């Protein structure tokens, strides 16, 4: 299975390079769809991610909704994710990812929605990340929260290699 995942990651990396000029336009359309999704609109406490350059751009989403919802962002600590409240301030964290400096958040039962990045998603919600397992280890701790993957259209594939313990997304939003 590792070889299948490695092959799929390499294919997606090449597609990201090819479609990079279109990412900004596609990101705006995908974020618009997310903003108008019923689960997002109803959610009060939302775990988002502050996107890296090759992901659906969530920067504006994080900043706009910080005054409307309780926005959480992940922080990498060792091999795990910690959640912190977004208060408007970010710093460069591990792996060069921008991370919040707000207070630690541990009341996982209050999280209504999780927006999850990934390298690839299947139409039935299987997700493949970058291979470090941060979300794979963390998502089982959020059984109540709706899980929504967002991605560019070329990241939605017919089949994503997965294990029985992998947490499936409740929905995938793309174009």
N, C-alpha and C. Protein backbone atom coordinates (compact mmCIF):
# COMPACT_ATOMS: atom_id res chain seq x y z
N UNK A 1 0.82 -1.19 0.00
CA UNK A 1 0.00 0.00 0.00
C UNK A 1 0.86 1.26 0.00
N UNK A 2 2.04 1.19 0.65
CA UNK A 2 2.92 2.37 0.69
C UNK A 2 3.32 2.81 -0.71
N UNK A 3 3.60 1.83 -1.58
CA UNK A 3 3.99 2.17 -2.95
C UNK A 3 2.85 2.85 -3.71
N UNK A 4 1.62 2.40 -3.49
CA UNK A 4 0.46 3.02 -4.15
C UNK A 4 0.30 4.46 -3.69
N UNK A 5 0.47 4.68 -2.38
CA UNK A 5 0.35 6.04 -1.85
C UNK A 5 1.46 6.93 -2.38
N UNK A 6 2.67 6.39 -2.43
CA UNK A 6 3.81 7.17 -2.94
C UNK A 6 3.58 7.55 -4.40
N UNK A 7 3.09 6.61 -5.20
CA UNK A 7 2.81 6.87 -6.61
C UNK A 7 1.74 7.97 -6.75
N UNK A 8 0.67 7.85 -5.96
CA UNK A 8 -0.41 8.83 -6.03
C UNK A 8 0.08 10.21 -5.59
N UNK A 9 0.89 10.27 -4.53
CA UNK A 9 1.44 11.56 -4.09
C UNK A 9 2.28 12.20 -5.20
N UNK A 10 3.09 11.40 -5.88
CA UNK A 10 3.93 11.93 -6.97
C UNK A 10 3.08 12.45 -8.12
N UNK A 11 2.01 11.76 -8.45
CA UNK A 11 1.11 12.22 -9.51
C UNK A 11 0.49 13.55 -9.13
N UNK A 12 0.00 13.65 -7.88
CA UNK A 12 -0.64 14.89 -7.42
C UNK A 12 0.38 16.03 -7.38
N UNK A 13 1.60 15.77 -6.96
CA UNK A 13 2.64 16.81 -6.94
C UNK A 13 2.87 17.37 -8.33
N UNK A 14 2.89 16.51 -9.33
CA UNK A 14 3.07 16.97 -10.72
C UNK A 14 1.87 17.78 -11.19
N UNK A 15 0.67 17.34 -10.84
CA UNK A 15 -0.53 18.08 -11.22
C UNK A 15 -0.57 19.44 -10.53
N UNK A 16 -0.11 19.52 -9.29
CA UNK A 16 -0.06 20.81 -8.57
C UNK A 16 0.84 21.79 -9.32
N UNK A 17 1.97 21.30 -9.82
CA UNK A 17 2.87 22.17 -10.58
C UNK A 17 2.19 22.65 -11.87
N UNK A 18 1.52 21.73 -12.55
CA UNK A 18 0.89 22.05 -13.83
C UNK A 18 -0.24 23.07 -13.67
N UNK A 19 -1.03 22.93 -12.61
CA UNK A 19 -2.20 23.78 -12.41
C UNK A 19 -1.95 24.99 -11.51
N UNK A 20 -0.73 25.16 -11.05
CA UNK A 20 -0.40 26.23 -10.11
C UNK A 20 -0.89 27.61 -10.55
N UNK A 21 -0.79 27.98 -11.84
CA UNK A 21 -1.31 29.29 -12.25
C UNK A 21 -2.82 29.47 -12.02
N UNK A 22 -3.55 28.37 -11.90
CA UNK A 22 -5.00 28.44 -11.71
C UNK A 22 -5.41 28.31 -10.25
N UNK A 23 -4.46 28.07 -9.36
CA UNK A 23 -4.80 27.81 -7.96
C UNK A 23 -5.55 28.96 -7.29
N UNK A 24 -5.15 30.19 -7.56
CA UNK A 24 -5.80 31.32 -6.89
C UNK A 24 -7.29 31.38 -7.25
N UNK A 25 -7.58 31.29 -8.53
CA UNK A 25 -8.97 31.34 -9.00
C UNK A 25 -9.77 30.15 -8.46
N UNK A 26 -9.18 28.95 -8.51
CA UNK A 26 -9.88 27.77 -8.02
C UNK A 26 -10.09 27.86 -6.51
N UNK A 27 -9.10 28.37 -5.78
CA UNK A 27 -9.22 28.51 -4.32
C UNK A 27 -10.41 29.37 -3.95
N UNK A 28 -10.55 30.51 -4.63
CA UNK A 28 -11.66 31.41 -4.33
C UNK A 28 -13.00 30.70 -4.53
N UNK A 29 -13.13 29.94 -5.59
CA UNK A 29 -14.39 29.24 -5.88
C UNK A 29 -14.65 28.12 -4.86
N UNK A 30 -13.62 27.41 -4.46
CA UNK A 30 -13.77 26.32 -3.48
C UNK A 30 -14.13 26.90 -2.11
N UNK A 31 -13.46 27.96 -1.71
CA UNK A 31 -13.76 28.59 -0.42
C UNK A 31 -15.18 29.15 -0.43
N UNK A 32 -15.61 29.72 -1.55
CA UNK A 32 -16.99 30.21 -1.68
C UNK A 32 -17.98 29.06 -1.43
N UNK A 33 -17.72 27.90 -2.04
CA UNK A 33 -18.60 26.74 -1.83
C UNK A 33 -18.61 26.32 -0.36
N UNK A 34 -17.43 26.34 0.28
CA UNK A 34 -17.35 25.98 1.69
C UNK A 34 -18.15 26.96 2.55
N UNK A 35 -17.98 28.25 2.28
CA UNK A 35 -18.68 29.27 3.05
C UNK A 35 -20.21 29.13 2.96
N UNK A 36 -20.69 28.60 1.87
CA UNK A 36 -22.12 28.45 1.65
C UNK A 36 -22.63 27.04 1.95
N UNK A 37 -21.75 26.21 2.47
CA UNK A 37 -22.13 24.86 2.88
C UNK A 37 -22.90 24.94 4.21
N UNK A 38 -24.00 24.22 4.32
CA UNK A 38 -24.85 24.29 5.52
C UNK A 38 -24.08 23.95 6.79
N UNK A 39 -23.23 22.95 6.76
CA UNK A 39 -22.47 22.57 7.96
C UNK A 39 -21.53 23.69 8.40
N UNK A 40 -20.89 24.34 7.44
CA UNK A 40 -20.00 25.45 7.79
C UNK A 40 -20.80 26.62 8.33
N UNK A 41 -21.89 26.94 7.69
CA UNK A 41 -22.70 28.08 8.11
C UNK A 41 -23.24 27.90 9.53
N UNK A 42 -23.59 26.67 9.91
CA UNK A 42 -24.15 26.40 11.23
C UNK A 42 -23.09 26.25 12.31
N UNK A 43 -21.87 25.91 11.93
CA UNK A 43 -20.82 25.64 12.91
C UNK A 43 -20.42 26.89 13.67
N UNK A 44 -20.23 26.74 14.97
CA UNK A 44 -19.75 27.83 15.81
C UNK A 44 -18.25 27.73 16.07
N UNK A 45 -17.78 26.51 16.31
CA UNK A 45 -16.35 26.28 16.56
C UNK A 45 -15.81 25.46 15.40
N UNK A 46 -14.86 26.04 14.68
CA UNK A 46 -14.36 25.43 13.44
C UNK A 46 -12.84 25.29 13.50
N UNK A 47 -12.37 24.08 13.24
CA UNK A 47 -10.94 23.84 13.09
C UNK A 47 -10.61 23.98 11.61
N UNK A 48 -9.86 25.03 11.28
CA UNK A 48 -9.40 25.26 9.92
C UNK A 48 -7.91 24.94 9.85
N UNK A 49 -7.30 25.20 8.73
CA UNK A 49 -5.84 25.12 8.61
C UNK A 49 -5.39 26.36 7.86
N UNK A 50 -4.21 26.82 8.16
CA UNK A 50 -3.65 27.98 7.47
C UNK A 50 -2.81 27.42 6.33
N UNK A 51 -3.32 27.56 5.13
CA UNK A 51 -2.80 26.83 3.97
C UNK A 51 -1.34 27.12 3.62
N UNK A 52 -0.72 26.08 3.09
CA UNK A 52 0.60 26.21 2.49
C UNK A 52 0.39 26.63 1.04
N UNK A 53 1.45 26.99 0.35
CA UNK A 53 1.34 27.57 -0.99
C UNK A 53 0.65 26.65 -1.99
N UNK A 54 0.77 25.34 -1.86
CA UNK A 54 0.21 24.43 -2.85
C UNK A 54 -1.16 23.86 -2.45
N UNK A 55 -1.78 24.45 -1.42
CA UNK A 55 -3.09 23.99 -0.97
C UNK A 55 -4.16 25.03 -1.29
N UNK A 56 -5.42 24.62 -1.18
CA UNK A 56 -6.52 25.57 -1.33
C UNK A 56 -6.26 26.68 -0.31
N UNK A 57 -6.24 27.92 -0.78
CA UNK A 57 -5.88 29.07 0.06
C UNK A 57 -6.98 29.38 1.07
N UNK A 58 -6.65 29.20 2.35
CA UNK A 58 -7.62 29.44 3.42
C UNK A 58 -7.31 30.70 4.22
N UNK A 59 -6.32 31.48 3.82
CA UNK A 59 -5.90 32.64 4.61
C UNK A 59 -7.05 33.63 4.84
N UNK A 60 -7.72 34.02 3.77
CA UNK A 60 -8.83 34.98 3.89
C UNK A 60 -9.96 34.39 4.73
N UNK A 61 -10.25 33.13 4.54
CA UNK A 61 -11.30 32.45 5.29
C UNK A 61 -11.02 32.52 6.79
N UNK A 62 -9.80 32.20 7.18
CA UNK A 62 -9.41 32.24 8.59
C UNK A 62 -9.59 33.65 9.15
N UNK A 63 -9.10 34.62 8.43
CA UNK A 63 -9.12 36.01 8.92
C UNK A 63 -10.54 36.57 9.00
N UNK A 64 -11.36 36.31 7.99
CA UNK A 64 -12.73 36.84 7.97
C UNK A 64 -13.58 36.22 9.08
N UNK A 65 -13.48 34.92 9.25
CA UNK A 65 -14.37 34.24 10.18
C UNK A 65 -13.87 34.29 11.63
N UNK A 66 -12.69 34.80 11.87
CA UNK A 66 -12.19 34.91 13.24
C UNK A 66 -13.09 35.80 14.09
N UNK A 67 -13.79 36.74 13.49
CA UNK A 67 -14.68 37.61 14.25
C UNK A 67 -16.12 37.09 14.27
N UNK A 68 -16.38 36.00 13.55
CA UNK A 68 -17.75 35.48 13.45
C UNK A 68 -17.92 34.11 14.10
N UNK A 69 -16.83 33.36 14.19
CA UNK A 69 -16.85 32.00 14.74
C UNK A 69 -15.62 31.83 15.63
N UNK A 70 -15.62 30.76 16.40
CA UNK A 70 -14.42 30.42 17.18
C UNK A 70 -13.53 29.60 16.24
N UNK A 71 -12.48 30.22 15.73
CA UNK A 71 -11.59 29.57 14.75
C UNK A 71 -10.37 29.00 15.47
N UNK A 72 -10.13 27.74 15.21
CA UNK A 72 -8.97 27.03 15.75
C UNK A 72 -8.04 26.70 14.60
N UNK A 73 -6.74 26.68 14.90
CA UNK A 73 -5.75 26.25 13.92
C UNK A 73 -4.82 25.25 14.59
N UNK A 74 -4.29 24.30 13.81
CA UNK A 74 -3.38 23.32 14.39
C UNK A 74 -1.96 23.86 14.54
N UNK A 75 -1.27 23.30 15.54
CA UNK A 75 0.14 23.58 15.78
C UNK A 75 0.82 22.22 15.89
N UNK A 76 1.93 22.04 15.18
CA UNK A 76 2.66 20.78 15.25
C UNK A 76 3.55 20.78 16.47
N UNK A 77 3.37 19.78 17.34
CA UNK A 77 4.19 19.61 18.54
C UNK A 77 4.69 18.18 18.52
N UNK A 78 5.96 18.01 18.22
CA UNK A 78 6.50 16.66 18.06
C UNK A 78 5.85 15.99 16.87
N UNK A 79 5.17 14.85 17.14
CA UNK A 79 4.48 14.13 16.07
C UNK A 79 2.97 14.28 16.17
N UNK A 80 2.53 15.25 16.97
CA UNK A 80 1.10 15.44 17.20
C UNK A 80 0.66 16.85 16.83
N UNK A 81 -0.65 17.02 16.74
CA UNK A 81 -1.25 18.34 16.54
C UNK A 81 -1.84 18.82 17.85
N UNK A 82 -1.62 20.08 18.14
CA UNK A 82 -2.29 20.78 19.22
C UNK A 82 -3.18 21.82 18.55
N UNK A 83 -4.26 22.17 19.21
CA UNK A 83 -5.13 23.20 18.66
C UNK A 83 -4.98 24.47 19.47
N UNK A 84 -4.95 25.60 18.75
CA UNK A 84 -4.88 26.90 19.39
C UNK A 84 -5.93 27.80 18.75
N UNK A 85 -6.49 28.69 19.56
CA UNK A 85 -7.44 29.66 19.07
C UNK A 85 -6.71 30.69 18.21
N UNK A 86 -7.29 31.01 17.06
CA UNK A 86 -6.72 32.05 16.20
C UNK A 86 -7.15 33.40 16.74
N UNK A 87 -6.18 34.21 17.13
CA UNK A 87 -6.45 35.54 17.68
C UNK A 87 -5.97 36.64 16.74
N UNK A 88 -5.55 36.26 15.54
CA UNK A 88 -5.08 37.23 14.56
C UNK A 88 -3.57 37.24 14.41
N UNK A 89 -2.89 36.54 15.31
CA UNK A 89 -1.43 36.54 15.27
C UNK A 89 -0.91 35.15 14.91
N UNK A 90 0.06 35.13 14.00
CA UNK A 90 0.67 33.88 13.55
C UNK A 90 2.18 33.97 13.66
N UNK A 91 2.82 32.80 13.74
CA UNK A 91 4.27 32.73 13.70
C UNK A 91 4.66 31.51 12.88
N UNK A 92 5.88 31.51 12.36
CA UNK A 92 6.36 30.37 11.59
C UNK A 92 6.63 29.23 12.55
N UNK A 93 6.01 28.09 12.27
CA UNK A 93 6.18 26.92 13.12
C UNK A 93 7.02 25.86 12.45
N UNK A 94 6.93 24.67 13.01
CA UNK A 94 7.65 23.52 12.47
C UNK A 94 7.25 23.31 11.01
N UNK A 95 8.17 22.89 10.20
CA UNK A 95 7.96 22.64 8.78
C UNK A 95 7.65 23.92 7.99
N UNK A 96 7.88 25.09 8.61
CA UNK A 96 7.65 26.35 7.91
C UNK A 96 6.19 26.73 7.76
N UNK A 97 5.32 26.07 8.49
CA UNK A 97 3.88 26.32 8.41
C UNK A 97 3.53 27.43 9.40
N UNK A 98 2.69 28.36 8.97
CA UNK A 98 2.24 29.43 9.86
C UNK A 98 1.29 28.85 10.90
N UNK A 99 1.56 29.19 12.16
CA UNK A 99 0.78 28.65 13.27
C UNK A 99 0.30 29.76 14.19
N UNK A 100 -0.85 29.57 14.85
CA UNK A 100 -1.38 30.59 15.74
C UNK A 100 -0.60 30.67 17.05
N UNK A 101 -0.62 31.84 17.66
CA UNK A 101 0.02 32.00 18.97
C UNK A 101 -1.05 32.14 20.07
N UNK A 102 -2.31 31.97 19.71
CA UNK A 102 -3.40 32.08 20.68
C UNK A 102 -3.39 30.95 21.69
N UNK A 103 -4.34 30.99 22.63
CA UNK A 103 -4.38 30.01 23.71
C UNK A 103 -4.66 28.59 23.23
N UNK A 104 -4.13 27.63 23.98
CA UNK A 104 -4.36 26.21 23.73
C UNK A 104 -5.85 25.91 23.87
N UNK A 105 -6.37 25.05 23.00
CA UNK A 105 -7.78 24.66 23.03
C UNK A 105 -7.84 23.14 23.15
N UNK A 106 -8.52 22.65 24.19
CA UNK A 106 -8.58 21.21 24.40
C UNK A 106 -10.00 20.66 24.57
N UNK A 107 -11.01 21.48 24.45
CA UNK A 107 -12.38 21.04 24.62
C UNK A 107 -12.92 20.53 23.27
N UNK A 108 -12.42 19.38 22.85
CA UNK A 108 -12.70 18.84 21.52
C UNK A 108 -14.18 18.60 21.26
N UNK A 109 -14.97 18.36 22.29
CA UNK A 109 -16.41 18.14 22.13
C UNK A 109 -17.11 19.37 21.56
N UNK A 110 -16.52 20.54 21.72
CA UNK A 110 -17.15 21.77 21.25
C UNK A 110 -16.90 22.04 19.76
N UNK A 111 -16.02 21.27 19.15
CA UNK A 111 -15.69 21.49 17.74
C UNK A 111 -16.83 20.94 16.87
N UNK A 112 -17.41 21.83 16.08
CA UNK A 112 -18.53 21.46 15.21
C UNK A 112 -18.07 20.96 13.84
N UNK A 113 -16.99 21.55 13.34
CA UNK A 113 -16.56 21.28 11.97
C UNK A 113 -15.04 21.33 11.87
N UNK A 114 -14.49 20.41 11.09
CA UNK A 114 -13.06 20.38 10.81
C UNK A 114 -12.88 20.47 9.31
N UNK A 115 -12.10 21.42 8.86
CA UNK A 115 -11.77 21.54 7.44
C UNK A 115 -10.36 20.96 7.29
N UNK A 116 -10.25 19.92 6.48
CA UNK A 116 -9.03 19.12 6.44
C UNK A 116 -8.35 19.22 5.06
N UNK A 117 -7.04 19.51 5.07
CA UNK A 117 -6.30 19.47 3.80
C UNK A 117 -5.92 18.03 3.47
N UNK A 118 -5.48 17.81 2.25
CA UNK A 118 -5.01 16.48 1.87
C UNK A 118 -4.36 16.53 0.50
N UNK A 119 -3.64 15.48 0.20
CA UNK A 119 -3.04 15.35 -1.14
C UNK A 119 -4.07 14.82 -2.13
N UNK A 120 -4.93 13.91 -1.64
CA UNK A 120 -5.95 13.32 -2.50
C UNK A 120 -7.13 12.88 -1.66
N UNK A 121 -8.32 12.93 -2.27
CA UNK A 121 -9.55 12.48 -1.63
C UNK A 121 -10.32 11.64 -2.63
N UNK A 122 -11.00 10.61 -2.13
CA UNK A 122 -11.91 9.88 -3.00
C UNK A 122 -13.29 10.50 -2.85
N UNK A 123 -14.17 10.20 -3.78
CA UNK A 123 -15.52 10.75 -3.73
C UNK A 123 -16.30 10.25 -2.51
N UNK A 124 -15.88 9.12 -1.95
CA UNK A 124 -16.56 8.58 -0.76
C UNK A 124 -15.88 9.03 0.53
N UNK A 125 -14.92 9.95 0.43
CA UNK A 125 -14.36 10.56 1.63
C UNK A 125 -13.05 10.02 2.15
N UNK A 126 -12.46 9.05 1.47
CA UNK A 126 -11.13 8.60 1.92
C UNK A 126 -10.13 9.71 1.62
N UNK A 127 -9.16 9.87 2.52
CA UNK A 127 -8.19 10.96 2.42
C UNK A 127 -6.77 10.41 2.50
N UNK A 128 -5.90 11.02 1.71
CA UNK A 128 -4.48 10.73 1.81
C UNK A 128 -3.76 12.05 2.05
N UNK A 129 -3.01 12.12 3.13
CA UNK A 129 -2.27 13.33 3.45
C UNK A 129 -0.88 13.31 2.85
N UNK A 130 0.01 14.08 3.45
CA UNK A 130 1.38 14.20 2.95
C UNK A 130 2.29 13.08 3.44
N UNK A 131 1.78 12.24 4.33
CA UNK A 131 2.56 11.09 4.77
C UNK A 131 3.12 11.17 6.17
N UNK A 132 2.90 12.27 6.86
CA UNK A 132 3.43 12.42 8.23
C UNK A 132 2.44 11.90 9.27
N UNK A 133 1.16 11.78 8.92
CA UNK A 133 0.16 11.19 9.81
C UNK A 133 -0.41 12.11 10.87
N UNK A 134 -0.16 13.41 10.80
CA UNK A 134 -0.66 14.32 11.84
C UNK A 134 -2.18 14.25 11.96
N UNK A 135 -2.89 14.42 10.85
CA UNK A 135 -4.35 14.37 10.90
C UNK A 135 -4.87 12.96 11.16
N UNK A 136 -4.18 11.95 10.64
CA UNK A 136 -4.59 10.56 10.87
C UNK A 136 -4.61 10.24 12.37
N UNK A 137 -3.64 10.76 13.09
CA UNK A 137 -3.60 10.51 14.54
C UNK A 137 -4.58 11.41 15.30
N UNK A 138 -4.85 12.59 14.77
CA UNK A 138 -5.66 13.55 15.50
C UNK A 138 -7.17 13.39 15.29
N UNK A 139 -7.60 13.16 14.07
CA UNK A 139 -9.03 13.13 13.77
C UNK A 139 -9.86 12.15 14.60
N UNK A 140 -9.34 10.98 15.00
CA UNK A 140 -10.15 10.09 15.85
C UNK A 140 -10.53 10.72 17.19
N UNK A 141 -9.86 11.78 17.59
CA UNK A 141 -10.17 12.46 18.85
C UNK A 141 -11.37 13.40 18.72
N UNK A 142 -11.90 13.52 17.49
CA UNK A 142 -13.02 14.43 17.21
C UNK A 142 -14.22 13.68 16.64
N UNK A 143 -14.77 12.73 17.37
CA UNK A 143 -15.85 11.91 16.79
C UNK A 143 -17.13 12.69 16.48
N UNK A 144 -17.40 13.78 17.18
CA UNK A 144 -18.63 14.55 16.99
C UNK A 144 -18.55 15.53 15.83
N UNK A 145 -17.36 16.02 15.54
CA UNK A 145 -17.18 17.07 14.53
C UNK A 145 -17.40 16.53 13.12
N UNK A 146 -18.06 17.33 12.29
CA UNK A 146 -18.16 17.02 10.86
C UNK A 146 -16.79 17.25 10.25
N UNK A 147 -16.38 16.36 9.36
CA UNK A 147 -15.07 16.46 8.73
C UNK A 147 -15.25 16.73 7.24
N UNK A 148 -14.68 17.86 6.79
CA UNK A 148 -14.83 18.28 5.40
C UNK A 148 -13.45 18.44 4.78
N UNK A 149 -13.20 17.69 3.74
CA UNK A 149 -11.96 17.86 2.99
C UNK A 149 -12.18 18.90 1.90
N UNK A 150 -11.20 19.78 1.71
CA UNK A 150 -11.27 20.71 0.58
C UNK A 150 -10.03 20.52 -0.27
N UNK A 151 -10.23 20.59 -1.59
CA UNK A 151 -9.11 20.34 -2.48
C UNK A 151 -9.41 20.83 -3.89
N UNK A 152 -8.35 20.89 -4.69
CA UNK A 152 -8.50 21.23 -6.09
C UNK A 152 -9.13 20.04 -6.82
N UNK A 153 -9.79 20.27 -7.95
CA UNK A 153 -10.52 19.18 -8.61
C UNK A 153 -9.64 18.00 -9.02
N UNK A 154 -8.41 18.25 -9.39
CA UNK A 154 -7.53 17.15 -9.79
C UNK A 154 -7.08 16.29 -8.60
N UNK A 155 -7.41 16.72 -7.38
CA UNK A 155 -7.07 15.94 -6.18
C UNK A 155 -8.19 14.98 -5.79
N UNK A 156 -9.32 15.05 -6.48
CA UNK A 156 -10.40 14.10 -6.24
C UNK A 156 -10.19 12.95 -7.21
N UNK A 157 -9.92 11.79 -6.64
CA UNK A 157 -9.58 10.62 -7.46
C UNK A 157 -10.57 9.49 -7.18
N UNK A 158 -10.54 8.52 -8.06
CA UNK A 158 -11.47 7.39 -7.95
C UNK A 158 -11.18 6.56 -6.71
N UNK A 159 -9.89 6.36 -6.41
CA UNK A 159 -9.50 5.46 -5.32
C UNK A 159 -8.34 6.05 -4.54
N UNK A 160 -8.47 6.06 -3.21
CA UNK A 160 -7.39 6.45 -2.31
C UNK A 160 -7.08 5.25 -1.44
N UNK A 161 -5.85 4.74 -1.48
CA UNK A 161 -5.49 3.62 -0.61
C UNK A 161 -5.73 4.02 0.85
N UNK A 162 -6.42 3.14 1.60
CA UNK A 162 -6.72 3.49 2.98
C UNK A 162 -6.75 2.24 3.85
N UNK A 163 -6.60 2.47 5.13
CA UNK A 163 -6.66 1.42 6.13
C UNK A 163 -8.00 1.52 6.85
N UNK A 164 -8.48 0.44 7.44
CA UNK A 164 -9.78 0.48 8.13
C UNK A 164 -9.85 1.54 9.23
N UNK A 165 -8.75 1.82 9.88
CA UNK A 165 -8.76 2.81 10.97
C UNK A 165 -8.70 4.26 10.48
N UNK A 166 -8.50 4.49 9.19
CA UNK A 166 -8.46 5.85 8.65
C UNK A 166 -9.83 6.51 8.81
N UNK A 167 -9.83 7.77 9.20
CA UNK A 167 -11.06 8.52 9.38
C UNK A 167 -11.50 9.09 8.03
N UNK A 168 -12.72 8.76 7.62
CA UNK A 168 -13.25 9.27 6.36
C UNK A 168 -13.84 10.65 6.57
N UNK A 169 -13.79 11.44 5.52
CA UNK A 169 -14.42 12.75 5.53
C UNK A 169 -15.93 12.56 5.37
N UNK A 170 -16.69 13.44 6.00
CA UNK A 170 -18.14 13.42 5.81
C UNK A 170 -18.51 13.94 4.44
N UNK A 171 -17.65 14.86 3.93
CA UNK A 171 -17.84 15.36 2.56
C UNK A 171 -16.53 15.94 2.07
N UNK A 172 -16.45 16.03 0.76
CA UNK A 172 -15.29 16.65 0.10
C UNK A 172 -15.84 17.78 -0.77
N UNK A 173 -15.27 18.97 -0.58
CA UNK A 173 -15.69 20.13 -1.37
C UNK A 173 -14.57 20.50 -2.34
N UNK A 174 -14.92 20.53 -3.61
CA UNK A 174 -13.99 20.88 -4.68
C UNK A 174 -14.82 21.55 -5.77
N UNK A 175 -14.27 21.63 -6.97
CA UNK A 175 -15.01 22.20 -8.11
C UNK A 175 -15.53 21.09 -9.00
